[in-house]
Amino acid sequence: MSRYVIWGIAAAVLAIAFVVIAPFFASPTTHAAGPQGLVGVAAPVFALRDDRGGAVSLGRYRGRIVVMNLWASWCPPCRAEMPDLQRLANAYTSRGVVVVGVNEGESPQRARAFADSLKIQFPIWIDGSQQYGRTYAALGLPTTVIVDAKGVVLRGFDGPLTFAQMHAAIAPLVRPH
C-alpha cells in the first residue's frame, strides 16, 4: 500500500473521530467568554446533592446573594482560596449572602474530607457530572460566580480570588451592616 493511501485513510479516520467525539464536548449553554459570559442571564438551576447526600438547588436561595465557587481537591489554587471563602461566608452570612462550594467531579467523601481539613463550614455541593463547570465555561478551577437575589448572574471570575477581591465584588451588593 502506498504511503499516500495510508495517509488518506489516517486522515479519514481522524475526521470521522472528530465528527463523532466533538458533540460530547459541546454544550448549548457554553459561552466563549467564560463565567462572565452569562452576566445578566438567569443562573441555571441544577438538582444536585450535597456532601452528605441531601438534595440541593440554587433555586432554594432565591432572595439571597449567592457566591458559588467551583473547585476540586486536587487544585492547589482552590485549596489556597478556600479559607478566604470561609472568611467571606463568616463576614456576610448575616447580610443575606450565602457561599456555596460546588465540587466538580469528585466523590462526596473526598469533598467532605477536603472541606473538613480546611475547617470549611459553608455548604458543599457535589457536581459529579460537572454541569456548572460546562455551563459557566470554566477555563479552569477555581471559578466563582455571583448570583443576585433574583437568580441572575452578576459576576463571573476564572481563577482564585483573594478576600479583598471577594469583598470588593460583594460589598456593593449587600445592605449595610
Protein backbone atom coordinates (compact mmCIF):
# COMPACT_ATOMS: atom_id res chain seq x y z
CA MET A 1 0.00 0.00 0.00
CA SER A 2 1.38 3.38 -0.91
CA ARG A 3 2.05 5.88 1.85
CA TYR A 4 -0.46 8.29 0.24
CA VAL A 5 -3.22 5.74 0.69
CA ILE A 6 -2.17 5.17 4.32
CA TRP A 7 -2.14 8.94 4.97
CA GLY A 8 -5.54 9.26 3.30
CA ILE A 9 -7.00 6.51 5.47
CA ALA A 10 -5.49 8.06 8.60
CA ALA A 11 -6.94 11.48 7.70
CA ALA A 12 -10.37 9.94 7.09
CA VAL A 13 -10.27 8.10 10.44
CA LEU A 14 -9.29 11.32 12.26
CA ALA A 15 -12.08 13.28 10.53
CA ILE A 16 -14.66 10.64 11.46
CA ALA A 17 -13.38 10.51 15.05
CA PHE A 18 -13.67 14.30 15.29
CA VAL A 19 -17.25 14.29 13.99
CA VAL A 20 -18.23 11.52 16.41
CA ILE A 21 -16.47 12.86 19.51
CA ALA A 22 -16.94 16.66 19.14
CA PRO A 23 -20.61 16.72 20.19
CA PHE A 24 -19.67 15.23 23.58
CA PHE A 25 -17.55 18.28 24.33
CA ALA A 26 -20.03 20.86 23.05
CA SER A 27 -22.69 22.39 25.27
CA PRO A 28 -25.51 24.59 24.02
CA THR A 29 -25.20 26.76 27.16
CA THR A 30 -21.44 27.26 26.97
CA HIS A 31 -20.24 30.78 26.31
CA ALA A 32 -16.79 31.55 24.95
CA ALA A 33 -16.32 34.40 27.41
CA GLY A 34 -16.09 32.05 30.42
CA PRO A 35 -18.22 32.63 33.51
CA GLN A 36 -18.50 36.35 32.75
CA GLY A 37 -20.36 35.40 29.54
CA LEU A 38 -23.57 34.67 31.47
CA VAL A 39 -23.76 38.03 33.25
CA GLY A 40 -27.33 39.32 33.10
CA VAL A 41 -28.78 35.87 32.41
CA ALA A 42 -30.77 33.76 34.87
CA ALA A 43 -28.38 31.36 36.58
CA PRO A 44 -29.04 27.75 35.61
CA VAL A 45 -30.54 25.64 38.37
CA PHE A 46 -29.43 22.02 38.58
CA ALA A 47 -30.66 19.47 41.10
CA LEU A 48 -27.55 18.29 42.94
CA ARG A 49 -26.68 16.57 46.21
CA ASP A 50 -24.58 17.98 48.99
CA ASP A 51 -21.62 16.16 50.50
CA ARG A 52 -23.93 14.46 53.00
CA GLY A 53 -26.39 13.23 50.33
CA GLY A 54 -29.11 15.86 50.78
CA ALA A 55 -30.91 17.37 47.78
CA VAL A 56 -29.77 20.92 46.97
CA SER A 57 -30.51 23.50 44.31
CA LEU A 58 -29.60 27.08 43.56
CA GLY A 59 -33.33 27.86 43.40
CA ARG A 60 -33.51 27.32 47.15
CA TYR A 61 -31.51 30.53 47.68
CA ARG A 62 -33.78 32.98 45.85
CA GLY A 63 -33.90 36.18 47.88
CA ARG A 64 -30.22 35.90 48.83
CA ILE A 65 -26.99 36.74 47.06
CA VAL A 66 -25.06 33.57 46.26
CA VAL A 67 -21.31 33.26 45.83
CA MET A 68 -20.92 29.95 44.00
CA ASN A 69 -17.36 28.64 43.91
CA LEU A 70 -16.47 25.71 41.63
CA TRP A 71 -13.50 23.73 42.93
CA ALA A 72 -11.77 20.35 43.29
CA SER A 73 -9.50 18.94 45.98
CA TRP A 74 -6.63 18.31 43.52
CA CYS A 75 -6.49 22.04 42.65
CA PRO A 76 -3.80 23.97 44.62
CA PRO A 77 -5.36 27.43 43.92
CA CYS A 78 -8.70 26.06 45.19
CA ARG A 79 -7.04 24.99 48.44
CA ALA A 80 -5.44 28.41 48.80
CA GLU A 81 -8.73 30.23 48.15
CA MET A 82 -10.96 28.18 50.48
CA PRO A 83 -10.04 29.91 53.77
CA ASP A 84 -10.87 33.30 52.21
CA LEU A 85 -14.24 31.93 51.05
CA GLN A 86 -14.94 30.80 54.61
CA ARG A 87 -13.92 34.23 55.86
CA LEU A 88 -16.33 35.78 53.33
CA ALA A 89 -19.12 33.47 54.49
CA ASN A 90 -18.45 34.43 58.11
CA ALA A 91 -18.45 38.15 57.28
CA TYR A 92 -21.54 38.24 55.04
CA THR A 93 -23.97 35.49 56.07
CA SER A 94 -25.83 37.89 58.38
CA ARG A 95 -26.14 40.31 55.45
CA GLY A 96 -28.02 37.99 53.09
CA VAL A 97 -25.07 36.33 51.33
CA VAL A 98 -24.59 32.59 51.08
CA VAL A 99 -21.34 30.97 49.95
CA VAL A 100 -21.68 27.58 48.25
CA GLY A 101 -18.75 25.38 47.28
CA VAL A 102 -19.53 23.24 44.23
CA ASN A 103 -17.13 20.32 43.95
CA GLU A 104 -16.55 19.42 40.31
CA GLY A 105 -16.34 15.71 39.63
CA GLU A 106 -15.22 14.18 42.92
CA SER A 107 -16.90 11.89 45.43
CA PRO A 108 -18.82 13.30 48.38
CA GLN A 109 -16.34 11.64 50.73
CA ARG A 110 -13.33 13.27 49.10
CA ALA A 111 -15.06 16.67 49.01
CA ARG A 112 -16.05 16.45 52.71
CA ALA A 113 -12.57 15.32 53.78
CA PHE A 114 -11.05 18.26 51.89
CA ALA A 115 -13.52 20.75 53.39
CA ASP A 116 -13.00 19.33 56.89
CA SER A 117 -9.21 19.61 56.53
CA LEU A 118 -9.66 23.36 55.95
CA LYS A 119 -12.45 23.79 58.53
CA ILE A 120 -14.93 24.82 55.83
CA GLN A 121 -18.46 25.27 57.18
CA PHE A 122 -20.34 26.64 54.17
CA PRO A 123 -22.45 24.20 52.10
CA ILE A 124 -20.55 21.80 49.84
CA TRP A 125 -22.41 20.54 46.77
CA ILE A 126 -21.32 17.65 44.58
CA ASP A 127 -21.50 18.22 40.82
CA GLY A 128 -20.31 14.82 39.66
CA SER A 129 -21.12 15.45 36.01
CA GLN A 130 -19.63 18.98 36.13
CA GLN A 131 -22.78 20.66 34.83
CA TYR A 132 -21.89 24.01 36.35
CA GLY A 133 -18.32 23.89 35.03
CA ARG A 134 -19.58 23.35 31.48
CA THR A 135 -22.39 25.88 31.80
CA TYR A 136 -20.09 28.64 33.04
CA ALA A 137 -17.39 27.64 30.54
CA ALA A 138 -14.92 27.46 33.40
CA LEU A 139 -11.45 27.78 31.92
CA GLY A 140 -10.10 26.04 34.99
CA LEU A 141 -10.63 25.84 38.70
CA PRO A 142 -11.45 27.64 40.84
CA THR A 143 -14.26 29.55 39.15
CA THR A 144 -16.53 31.88 41.12
CA VAL A 145 -19.97 33.14 40.07
CA ILE A 146 -22.03 35.73 41.95
CA VAL A 147 -25.80 35.38 41.61
CA ASP A 148 -28.20 38.10 42.79
CA ALA A 149 -31.32 37.63 44.92
CA LYS A 150 -33.47 37.20 41.78
CA GLY A 151 -31.25 34.40 40.46
CA VAL A 152 -29.42 36.45 37.81
CA VAL A 153 -25.66 36.14 37.27
CA LEU A 154 -23.94 39.38 38.29
CA ARG A 155 -20.25 38.49 38.00
CA GLY A 156 -18.03 35.61 36.99
CA PHE A 157 -14.35 35.02 37.74
CA ASP A 158 -11.91 32.43 36.42
CA GLY A 159 -9.07 31.71 38.81
CA PRO A 160 -8.52 32.25 42.51
CA LEU A 161 -9.67 35.37 44.34
CA THR A 162 -8.29 36.97 47.47
CA PHE A 163 -10.55 38.01 50.32
CA ALA A 164 -10.08 41.65 49.26
CA GLN A 165 -11.28 40.84 45.72
CA MET A 166 -14.26 38.88 47.08
CA HIS A 167 -15.15 41.71 49.44
CA ALA A 168 -14.90 44.28 46.64
CA ALA A 169 -17.29 42.21 44.49
CA ILE A 170 -19.84 41.60 47.27
CA ALA A 171 -19.82 44.77 49.42
CA PRO A 172 -21.73 46.98 46.94
CA LEU A 173 -24.48 44.36 46.66
CA VAL A 174 -25.44 43.98 50.31
CA ARG A 175 -27.26 46.03 52.87
CA PRO A 176 -25.04 47.96 55.32
CA HIS A 177 -24.03 46.13 58.46
